[in-house]
Amino acid sequence: MLASMTAPTSPRRDLARRRILLGTAAFGALVGCGALGVPRAAGAPHPTNAFEVTHTDAEWRQLLSPQQYAVLRTAATEMPHSSALNDEHRTGIFGCAGCGQDLFSSATKFDSGTGWPSFWKALSNAVLERPDNTAGMARTEVLCSRCGGHLGHVFNDGPEPTGLRYCMNGVALRFRPA
């Protein structure tokens, strides 16, 4: 009886519903991974003398590409699947593009399916974490402990043994093969 009370749907309407569903899912994935992050206008600025490696804003702009500057110094986020490091599978070390500090071993890299290089563990004392409530979300920001550069965010949905997913911007990293 219920089936006779529902209006038949057209293939065109079904396609529209699928597009809306897929678009909503894609938006949710981008928000969850920080792809829609904005420069740190509302966040707390880093103290300029709190890190071993410091530069003036003008010096950072000269040392980094415009995209590296946007990510490392203003906490912008690169587009998913835009970094070649997402597909880097050789043995080696991923380091900070701002200061060169070693951050992650390739032994902890995994394919998270998000479009950004992901790791389940950082090297000892390589990163700092702090709360990030920008973009209307409660997340944990990951910074290079040596220069304070924004690397990405860490989430609690990664693989064992840590259960963590360090979702990093590839432009904020450099890879050194072993």
N, C-alpha and C. Protein backbone atom coordinates (compact mmCIF):
# COMPACT_ATOMS: atom_id res chain seq x y z
N MET A 1 0.81 -1.19 0.00
CA MET A 1 0.00 0.00 0.00
C MET A 1 0.86 1.26 0.00
N LEU A 2 1.97 1.24 0.78
CA LEU A 2 2.86 2.39 0.85
C LEU A 2 3.48 2.69 -0.50
N ALA A 3 3.83 1.66 -1.25
CA ALA A 3 4.46 1.86 -2.56
C ALA A 3 3.53 2.62 -3.49
N SER A 4 2.25 2.40 -3.38
CA SER A 4 1.32 3.09 -4.28
C SER A 4 1.13 4.55 -3.89
N MET A 5 1.52 4.90 -2.66
CA MET A 5 1.34 6.27 -2.20
C MET A 5 2.54 7.14 -2.53
N THR A 6 3.67 6.56 -2.86
CA THR A 6 4.84 7.38 -3.18
C THR A 6 4.86 7.68 -4.67
N ALA A 7 5.21 8.89 -4.97
CA ALA A 7 5.25 9.32 -6.37
C ALA A 7 6.46 8.71 -7.04
N PRO A 8 6.33 8.28 -8.27
CA PRO A 8 7.48 7.74 -8.99
C PRO A 8 8.50 8.85 -9.22
N THR A 9 9.77 8.48 -9.22
CA THR A 9 10.81 9.47 -9.47
C THR A 9 11.35 9.28 -10.87
N SER A 10 11.79 10.35 -11.44
CA SER A 10 12.34 10.30 -12.79
C SER A 10 13.84 10.07 -12.73
N PRO A 11 14.42 9.54 -13.81
CA PRO A 11 15.88 9.38 -13.84
C PRO A 11 16.60 10.71 -13.63
N ARG A 12 16.03 11.79 -14.12
CA ARG A 12 16.64 13.11 -13.97
C ARG A 12 16.66 13.52 -12.48
N ARG A 13 15.57 13.26 -11.77
CA ARG A 13 15.50 13.59 -10.35
C ARG A 13 16.46 12.71 -9.55
N ASP A 14 16.55 11.42 -9.91
CA ASP A 14 17.50 10.53 -9.23
C ASP A 14 18.93 11.02 -9.42
N LEU A 15 19.27 11.45 -10.62
CA LEU A 15 20.61 11.97 -10.90
C LEU A 15 20.88 13.22 -10.06
N ALA A 16 19.90 14.09 -9.97
CA ALA A 16 20.06 15.31 -9.18
C ALA A 16 20.28 14.97 -7.71
N ARG A 17 19.54 13.99 -7.19
CA ARG A 17 19.71 13.58 -5.80
C ARG A 17 21.10 13.00 -5.57
N ARG A 18 21.57 12.19 -6.51
CA ARG A 18 22.91 11.62 -6.39
C ARG A 18 23.97 12.71 -6.39
N ARG A 19 23.81 13.70 -7.25
CA ARG A 19 24.79 14.80 -7.30
C ARG A 19 24.81 15.57 -5.98
N ILE A 20 23.64 15.81 -5.42
CA ILE A 20 23.56 16.52 -4.14
C ILE A 20 24.23 15.69 -3.06
N LEU A 21 23.94 14.39 -3.02
CA LEU A 21 24.53 13.51 -2.02
C LEU A 21 26.05 13.46 -2.16
N LEU A 22 26.54 13.29 -3.39
CA LEU A 22 27.98 13.23 -3.61
C LEU A 22 28.65 14.56 -3.29
N GLY A 23 28.00 15.65 -3.67
CA GLY A 23 28.55 16.97 -3.37
C GLY A 23 28.64 17.22 -1.87
N THR A 24 27.60 16.82 -1.14
CA THR A 24 27.60 16.97 0.31
C THR A 24 28.69 16.11 0.94
N ALA A 25 28.83 14.88 0.46
CA ALA A 25 29.87 13.99 0.99
C ALA A 25 31.26 14.56 0.71
N ALA A 26 31.47 15.08 -0.51
CA ALA A 26 32.78 15.66 -0.86
C ALA A 26 33.08 16.88 0.01
N PHE A 27 32.07 17.73 0.23
CA PHE A 27 32.26 18.90 1.08
C PHE A 27 32.64 18.48 2.49
N GLY A 28 31.94 17.48 3.02
CA GLY A 28 32.25 16.97 4.36
C GLY A 28 33.67 16.44 4.45
N ALA A 29 34.11 15.73 3.41
CA ALA A 29 35.48 15.19 3.41
C ALA A 29 36.50 16.32 3.38
N LEU A 30 36.25 17.36 2.58
CA LEU A 30 37.18 18.48 2.50
C LEU A 30 37.26 19.22 3.83
N VAL A 31 36.11 19.43 4.46
CA VAL A 31 36.10 20.11 5.75
C VAL A 31 36.83 19.26 6.79
N GLY A 32 36.57 17.96 6.80
CA GLY A 32 37.18 17.07 7.78
C GLY A 32 38.69 17.01 7.67
N CYS A 33 39.20 17.16 6.47
CA CYS A 33 40.65 17.09 6.27
C CYS A 33 41.30 18.47 6.27
N GLY A 34 40.51 19.50 6.40
CA GLY A 34 41.08 20.84 6.46
C GLY A 34 41.31 21.48 5.11
N ALA A 35 40.76 20.92 4.03
CA ALA A 35 41.00 21.48 2.70
C ALA A 35 40.36 22.84 2.55
N LEU A 36 39.35 23.12 3.34
CA LEU A 36 38.69 24.41 3.25
C LEU A 36 39.21 25.36 4.31
N GLY A 37 40.37 25.05 4.85
CA GLY A 37 40.99 25.91 5.85
C GLY A 37 41.31 27.26 5.26
N VAL A 38 41.35 28.23 6.10
CA VAL A 38 41.66 29.58 5.66
C VAL A 38 42.93 30.04 6.36
N PRO A 39 43.58 31.04 5.83
CA PRO A 39 44.75 31.54 6.54
C PRO A 39 44.39 31.90 7.98
N ARG A 40 45.36 31.80 8.85
CA ARG A 40 45.15 31.97 10.27
C ARG A 40 44.90 33.44 10.62
N ALA A 41 43.77 33.98 10.20
CA ALA A 41 43.44 35.34 10.55
C ALA A 41 42.93 35.42 11.98
N ALA A 42 42.10 34.42 12.37
CA ALA A 42 41.47 34.45 13.68
C ALA A 42 42.29 33.69 14.72
N GLY A 43 43.24 32.89 14.29
CA GLY A 43 44.03 32.09 15.22
C GLY A 43 45.08 32.91 15.91
N ALA A 44 45.64 32.34 16.94
CA ALA A 44 46.69 33.03 17.68
C ALA A 44 47.98 33.03 16.87
N PRO A 45 48.60 34.17 16.68
CA PRO A 45 49.86 34.21 15.94
C PRO A 45 50.97 33.55 16.75
N HIS A 46 51.98 33.07 16.05
CA HIS A 46 53.12 32.47 16.73
C HIS A 46 54.01 33.56 17.28
N PRO A 47 54.52 33.39 18.49
CA PRO A 47 55.54 34.34 18.96
C PRO A 47 56.75 34.24 18.03
N THR A 48 57.29 35.36 17.62
CA THR A 48 58.36 35.33 16.63
C THR A 48 59.68 34.80 17.17
N ASN A 49 59.88 34.82 18.47
CA ASN A 49 61.14 34.38 19.03
C ASN A 49 61.02 33.04 19.77
N ALA A 50 59.94 32.31 19.57
CA ALA A 50 59.71 31.07 20.32
C ALA A 50 60.35 29.85 19.67
N PHE A 51 60.92 30.00 18.50
CA PHE A 51 61.45 28.85 17.77
C PHE A 51 62.93 29.04 17.46
N GLU A 52 63.62 27.92 17.28
CA GLU A 52 65.04 27.92 16.97
C GLU A 52 65.32 28.65 15.65
N VAL A 53 64.48 28.40 14.64
CA VAL A 53 64.62 29.05 13.34
C VAL A 53 63.57 30.14 13.23
N THR A 54 64.03 31.37 13.09
CA THR A 54 63.11 32.50 12.95
C THR A 54 63.56 33.38 11.78
N HIS A 55 62.59 34.00 11.16
CA HIS A 55 62.84 34.94 10.07
C HIS A 55 61.76 36.01 10.14
N THR A 56 62.05 37.14 9.56
CA THR A 56 61.01 38.15 9.41
C THR A 56 60.03 37.67 8.34
N ASP A 57 58.89 38.30 8.30
CA ASP A 57 57.90 37.94 7.28
C ASP A 57 58.49 38.10 5.88
N ALA A 58 59.22 39.17 5.66
CA ALA A 58 59.85 39.41 4.35
C ALA A 58 60.86 38.31 4.01
N GLU A 59 61.61 37.89 5.01
CA GLU A 59 62.58 36.80 4.78
C GLU A 59 61.87 35.49 4.44
N TRP A 60 60.78 35.16 5.17
CA TRP A 60 60.03 33.93 4.86
C TRP A 60 59.50 34.00 3.43
N ARG A 61 59.00 35.15 3.02
CA ARG A 61 58.46 35.29 1.66
C ARG A 61 59.55 35.08 0.61
N GLN A 62 60.76 35.48 0.93
CA GLN A 62 61.87 35.31 0.00
C GLN A 62 62.36 33.85 -0.02
N LEU A 63 62.31 33.17 1.12
CA LEU A 63 62.81 31.80 1.22
C LEU A 63 61.83 30.75 0.67
N LEU A 64 60.54 31.05 0.72
CA LEU A 64 59.51 30.06 0.36
C LEU A 64 58.79 30.45 -0.92
N SER A 65 58.25 29.45 -1.61
CA SER A 65 57.38 29.74 -2.76
C SER A 65 56.09 30.36 -2.22
N PRO A 66 55.31 31.03 -3.05
CA PRO A 66 54.05 31.61 -2.56
C PRO A 66 53.13 30.56 -1.92
N GLN A 67 53.06 29.36 -2.48
CA GLN A 67 52.21 28.32 -1.90
C GLN A 67 52.78 27.81 -0.57
N GLN A 68 54.09 27.64 -0.50
CA GLN A 68 54.71 27.23 0.76
C GLN A 68 54.49 28.28 1.84
N TYR A 69 54.64 29.54 1.48
CA TYR A 69 54.42 30.63 2.44
C TYR A 69 52.98 30.59 2.95
N ALA A 70 52.02 30.45 2.03
CA ALA A 70 50.61 30.44 2.43
C ALA A 70 50.32 29.31 3.42
N VAL A 71 50.88 28.14 3.18
CA VAL A 71 50.63 27.00 4.07
C VAL A 71 51.43 27.12 5.35
N LEU A 72 52.75 27.24 5.23
CA LEU A 72 53.62 27.22 6.41
C LEU A 72 53.45 28.43 7.33
N ARG A 73 53.23 29.60 6.77
CA ARG A 73 53.22 30.81 7.59
C ARG A 73 51.83 31.36 7.87
N THR A 74 50.80 31.00 7.07
CA THR A 74 49.45 31.52 7.33
C THR A 74 48.42 30.41 7.52
N ALA A 75 48.87 29.15 7.56
CA ALA A 75 48.01 27.99 7.82
C ALA A 75 46.96 27.75 6.75
N ALA A 76 47.26 28.12 5.51
CA ALA A 76 46.36 27.77 4.41
C ALA A 76 46.49 26.26 4.16
N THR A 77 45.64 25.73 3.31
CA THR A 77 45.66 24.30 2.99
C THR A 77 45.71 24.12 1.49
N GLU A 78 46.61 23.26 1.03
CA GLU A 78 46.70 22.97 -0.40
C GLU A 78 45.50 22.12 -0.82
N MET A 79 45.23 22.09 -2.11
CA MET A 79 44.15 21.27 -2.64
C MET A 79 44.52 19.79 -2.51
N PRO A 80 43.54 18.94 -2.23
CA PRO A 80 43.83 17.51 -2.15
C PRO A 80 44.36 16.98 -3.47
N HIS A 81 45.19 15.97 -3.40
CA HIS A 81 45.79 15.31 -4.57
C HIS A 81 46.68 16.22 -5.40
N SER A 82 47.11 17.36 -4.83
CA SER A 82 47.94 18.29 -5.60
C SER A 82 49.43 18.07 -5.35
N SER A 83 49.79 17.29 -4.35
CA SER A 83 51.20 17.10 -4.01
C SER A 83 51.71 15.75 -4.51
N ALA A 84 52.87 15.77 -5.16
CA ALA A 84 53.51 14.53 -5.59
C ALA A 84 53.91 13.68 -4.39
N LEU A 85 54.08 14.30 -3.22
CA LEU A 85 54.47 13.53 -2.04
C LEU A 85 53.35 12.62 -1.54
N ASN A 86 52.13 12.87 -1.98
CA ASN A 86 51.04 11.97 -1.62
C ASN A 86 51.30 10.57 -2.18
N ASP A 87 51.97 10.51 -3.33
CA ASP A 87 52.27 9.23 -3.99
C ASP A 87 53.73 8.81 -3.83
N GLU A 88 54.44 9.41 -2.89
CA GLU A 88 55.85 9.06 -2.64
C GLU A 88 55.89 7.81 -1.76
N HIS A 89 56.50 6.72 -2.31
CA HIS A 89 56.52 5.45 -1.58
C HIS A 89 57.93 4.91 -1.33
N ARG A 90 58.94 5.71 -1.63
CA ARG A 90 60.31 5.26 -1.38
C ARG A 90 60.64 5.36 0.11
N THR A 91 61.67 4.65 0.51
CA THR A 91 62.16 4.72 1.88
C THR A 91 62.90 6.04 2.05
N GLY A 92 62.61 6.74 3.14
CA GLY A 92 63.28 8.01 3.39
C GLY A 92 62.64 8.78 4.51
N ILE A 93 62.94 10.08 4.54
CA ILE A 93 62.48 10.97 5.59
C ILE A 93 61.76 12.16 4.97
N PHE A 94 60.63 12.51 5.56
CA PHE A 94 59.87 13.71 5.18
C PHE A 94 60.23 14.79 6.17
N GLY A 95 60.70 15.93 5.66
CA GLY A 95 61.13 17.03 6.53
C GLY A 95 60.36 18.29 6.23
N CYS A 96 60.57 19.29 7.06
CA CYS A 96 59.91 20.59 6.92
C CYS A 96 60.49 21.36 5.74
N ALA A 97 59.63 21.86 4.88
CA ALA A 97 60.07 22.66 3.73
C ALA A 97 60.54 24.04 4.17
N GLY A 98 60.21 24.45 5.37
CA GLY A 98 60.63 25.76 5.85
C GLY A 98 62.01 25.78 6.45
N CYS A 99 62.34 24.74 7.23
CA CYS A 99 63.64 24.75 7.93
C CYS A 99 64.45 23.47 7.74
N GLY A 100 63.89 22.47 7.11
CA GLY A 100 64.63 21.24 6.85
C GLY A 100 64.61 20.21 7.95
N GLN A 101 63.97 20.50 9.09
CA GLN A 101 63.95 19.53 10.19
C GLN A 101 63.24 18.23 9.77
N ASP A 102 63.80 17.09 10.15
CA ASP A 102 63.17 15.80 9.90
C ASP A 102 61.89 15.70 10.73
N LEU A 103 60.79 15.25 10.08
CA LEU A 103 59.49 15.21 10.74
C LEU A 103 58.87 13.82 10.82
N PHE A 104 58.91 13.08 9.69
CA PHE A 104 58.23 11.79 9.60
C PHE A 104 59.09 10.79 8.84
N SER A 105 59.07 9.54 9.29
CA SER A 105 59.73 8.46 8.57
C SER A 105 58.76 7.88 7.55
N SER A 106 59.27 7.48 6.41
CA SER A 106 58.41 6.84 5.40
C SER A 106 57.80 5.55 5.93
N ALA A 107 58.40 4.95 6.97
CA ALA A 107 57.86 3.73 7.56
C ALA A 107 56.51 3.96 8.23
N THR A 108 56.17 5.23 8.52
CA THR A 108 54.89 5.53 9.17
C THR A 108 53.88 6.16 8.21
N LYS A 109 54.23 6.24 6.93
CA LYS A 109 53.33 6.83 5.93
C LYS A 109 52.30 5.79 5.50
N PHE A 110 51.08 6.23 5.27
CA PHE A 110 50.03 5.34 4.77
C PHE A 110 49.09 6.12 3.87
N ASP A 111 48.34 5.40 3.05
CA ASP A 111 47.37 6.03 2.15
C ASP A 111 46.05 6.17 2.88
N SER A 112 45.72 7.39 3.27
CA SER A 112 44.50 7.64 4.02
C SER A 112 43.30 7.83 3.10
N GLY A 113 43.56 7.98 1.81
CA GLY A 113 42.48 8.22 0.86
C GLY A 113 41.97 9.65 0.87
N THR A 114 42.65 10.54 1.58
CA THR A 114 42.20 11.93 1.70
C THR A 114 42.80 12.84 0.64
N GLY A 115 43.90 12.42 0.03
CA GLY A 115 44.55 13.28 -0.96
C GLY A 115 45.72 14.06 -0.41
N TRP A 116 46.07 13.85 0.85
CA TRP A 116 47.23 14.49 1.47
C TRP A 116 48.15 13.43 2.03
N PRO A 117 49.46 13.67 2.06
CA PRO A 117 50.37 12.72 2.70
C PRO A 117 49.95 12.52 4.16
N SER A 118 49.84 11.26 4.56
CA SER A 118 49.39 10.95 5.92
C SER A 118 50.35 10.00 6.61
N PHE A 119 50.51 10.18 7.89
CA PHE A 119 51.44 9.41 8.71
C PHE A 119 50.75 9.03 10.01
N TRP A 120 51.14 7.90 10.59
CA TRP A 120 50.54 7.52 11.87
C TRP A 120 51.41 7.88 13.07
N LYS A 121 52.61 8.43 12.80
CA LYS A 121 53.48 8.83 13.91
C LYS A 121 54.51 9.85 13.41
N ALA A 122 54.75 10.87 14.20
CA ALA A 122 55.82 11.84 13.91
C ALA A 122 57.10 11.39 14.59
N LEU A 123 58.23 11.87 14.09
CA LEU A 123 59.50 11.60 14.77
C LEU A 123 59.50 12.29 16.13
N SER A 124 60.28 11.77 17.04
CA SER A 124 60.34 12.29 18.40
C SER A 124 60.73 13.77 18.42
N ASN A 125 59.95 14.57 19.12
CA ASN A 125 60.19 16.01 19.30
C ASN A 125 60.19 16.82 18.01
N ALA A 126 59.67 16.28 16.92
CA ALA A 126 59.70 16.97 15.64
C ALA A 126 58.54 17.94 15.44
N VAL A 127 57.41 17.66 16.06
CA VAL A 127 56.23 18.50 15.85
C VAL A 127 55.64 18.96 17.18
N LEU A 128 54.90 20.05 17.09
CA LEU A 128 54.12 20.56 18.21
C LEU A 128 52.65 20.48 17.80
N GLU A 129 51.78 20.30 18.76
CA GLU A 129 50.35 20.26 18.48
C GLU A 129 49.65 21.30 19.34
N ARG A 130 48.64 21.95 18.74
CA ARG A 130 47.87 22.91 19.51
C ARG A 130 46.43 22.92 19.00
N PRO A 131 45.49 23.29 19.87
CA PRO A 131 44.09 23.33 19.45
C PRO A 131 43.89 24.34 18.32
N ASP A 132 43.01 24.00 17.39
CA ASP A 132 42.70 24.87 16.26
C ASP A 132 41.18 24.88 16.11
N ASN A 133 40.57 26.00 16.40
CA ASN A 133 39.12 26.12 16.31
C ASN A 133 38.69 27.00 15.14
N THR A 134 39.57 27.18 14.15
CA THR A 134 39.21 27.96 12.96
C THR A 134 38.31 27.14 12.06
N ALA A 135 37.69 27.76 11.10
CA ALA A 135 36.82 27.12 10.11
C ALA A 135 35.64 26.40 10.76
N GLY A 136 35.27 26.83 11.96
CA GLY A 136 34.10 26.27 12.62
C GLY A 136 34.26 24.85 13.10
N MET A 137 35.49 24.38 13.26
CA MET A 137 35.73 23.01 13.69
C MET A 137 36.74 23.00 14.83
N ALA A 138 36.64 21.97 15.67
CA ALA A 138 37.64 21.75 16.70
C ALA A 138 38.61 20.70 16.17
N ARG A 139 39.85 21.12 15.88
CA ARG A 139 40.87 20.22 15.36
C ARG A 139 42.15 20.43 16.14
N THR A 140 43.16 19.63 15.82
CA THR A 140 44.48 19.79 16.42
C THR A 140 45.46 20.12 15.31
N GLU A 141 46.02 21.30 15.37
CA GLU A 141 47.00 21.76 14.38
C GLU A 141 48.36 21.15 14.68
N VAL A 142 49.11 20.85 13.63
CA VAL A 142 50.46 20.31 13.76
C VAL A 142 51.45 21.35 13.21
N LEU A 143 52.45 21.68 14.02
CA LEU A 143 53.47 22.66 13.66
C LEU A 143 54.85 22.02 13.71
N CYS A 144 55.76 22.51 12.90
CA CYS A 144 57.16 22.12 13.00
C CYS A 144 57.69 22.69 14.31
N SER A 145 58.34 21.86 15.13
CA SER A 145 58.83 22.33 16.42
C SER A 145 60.06 23.23 16.30
N ARG A 146 60.67 23.25 15.14
CA ARG A 146 61.89 24.05 14.95
C ARG A 146 61.61 25.45 14.43
N CYS A 147 60.64 25.58 13.48
CA CYS A 147 60.37 26.90 12.90
C CYS A 147 58.93 27.37 13.11
N GLY A 148 58.07 26.51 13.65
CA GLY A 148 56.68 26.89 13.89
C GLY A 148 55.82 26.87 12.66
N GLY A 149 56.32 26.32 11.56
CA GLY A 149 55.53 26.26 10.33
C GLY A 149 54.33 25.35 10.46
N HIS A 150 53.21 25.79 9.91
CA HIS A 150 51.98 24.98 9.90
C HIS A 150 52.17 23.84 8.90
N LEU A 151 51.95 22.62 9.39
CA LEU A 151 52.11 21.43 8.54
C LEU A 151 50.77 20.83 8.14
N GLY A 152 49.80 20.88 9.02
CA GLY A 152 48.49 20.28 8.77
C GLY A 152 47.78 20.05 10.09
N HIS A 153 47.05 18.93 10.16
CA HIS A 153 46.29 18.59 11.37
C HIS A 153 46.44 17.11 11.68
N VAL A 154 46.21 16.75 12.93
CA VAL A 154 46.23 15.35 13.34
C VAL A 154 44.82 14.98 13.82
N PHE A 155 44.39 13.78 13.41
CA PHE A 155 43.06 13.28 13.72
C PHE A 155 43.18 11.90 14.39
N ASN A 156 42.16 11.51 15.10
CA ASN A 156 42.14 10.24 15.81
C ASN A 156 41.48 9.13 15.01
N ASP A 157 41.65 9.11 13.71
CA ASP A 157 41.03 8.08 12.88
C ASP A 157 42.06 7.34 12.01
N GLY A 158 43.28 7.25 12.50
CA GLY A 158 44.35 6.59 11.75
C GLY A 158 44.48 5.12 12.10
N PRO A 159 45.44 4.46 11.48
CA PRO A 159 45.64 3.03 11.71
C PRO A 159 46.40 2.74 13.01
N GLU A 160 46.38 1.50 13.39
CA GLU A 160 47.19 1.05 14.53
C GLU A 160 48.65 1.11 14.10
N PRO A 161 49.59 1.29 14.96
CA PRO A 161 49.47 1.13 16.40
C PRO A 161 49.06 2.39 17.15
N THR A 162 49.04 3.57 16.52
CA THR A 162 48.75 4.80 17.26
C THR A 162 47.29 5.22 17.15
N GLY A 163 46.63 4.87 16.06
CA GLY A 163 45.28 5.34 15.81
C GLY A 163 45.23 6.79 15.35
N LEU A 164 46.41 7.37 15.04
CA LEU A 164 46.48 8.77 14.61
C LEU A 164 46.65 8.88 13.10
N ARG A 165 46.15 10.00 12.57
CA ARG A 165 46.36 10.33 11.15
C ARG A 165 46.88 11.76 11.08
N TYR A 166 48.19 11.88 10.88
CA TYR A 166 48.79 13.19 10.66
C TYR A 166 48.55 13.53 9.19
N CYS A 167 47.58 14.38 8.93
CA CYS A 167 47.19 14.77 7.57
C CYS A 167 47.97 16.04 7.22
N MET A 168 49.04 15.88 6.43
CA MET A 168 49.99 16.96 6.19
C MET A 168 49.85 17.56 4.80
N ASN A 169 50.13 18.83 4.69
CA ASN A 169 50.19 19.49 3.40
C ASN A 169 51.51 19.10 2.74
N GLY A 170 51.45 18.53 1.56
CA GLY A 170 52.67 18.12 0.87
C GLY A 170 53.60 19.27 0.59
N VAL A 171 53.06 20.45 0.32
CA VAL A 171 53.89 21.62 0.02
C VAL A 171 54.70 22.06 1.24
N ALA A 172 54.28 21.65 2.43
CA ALA A 172 55.00 21.99 3.65
C ALA A 172 56.13 21.01 3.95
N LEU A 173 56.24 19.97 3.12
CA LEU A 173 57.22 18.91 3.35
C LEU A 173 58.26 18.84 2.22
N ARG A 174 59.39 18.27 2.55
CA ARG A 174 60.42 17.88 1.57
C ARG A 174 60.73 16.42 1.83
N PHE A 175 61.02 15.67 0.77
CA PHE A 175 61.35 14.26 0.94
C PHE A 175 62.81 14.04 0.63
N ARG A 176 63.48 13.27 1.51
CA ARG A 176 64.88 12.90 1.33
C ARG A 176 64.96 11.38 1.30
N PRO A 177 65.24 10.79 0.12
CA PRO A 177 65.32 9.33 0.05
C PRO A 177 66.49 8.80 0.88
N ALA A 178 66.32 7.59 1.41
CA ALA A 178 67.37 6.99 2.24
C ALA A 178 68.34 6.24 1.35
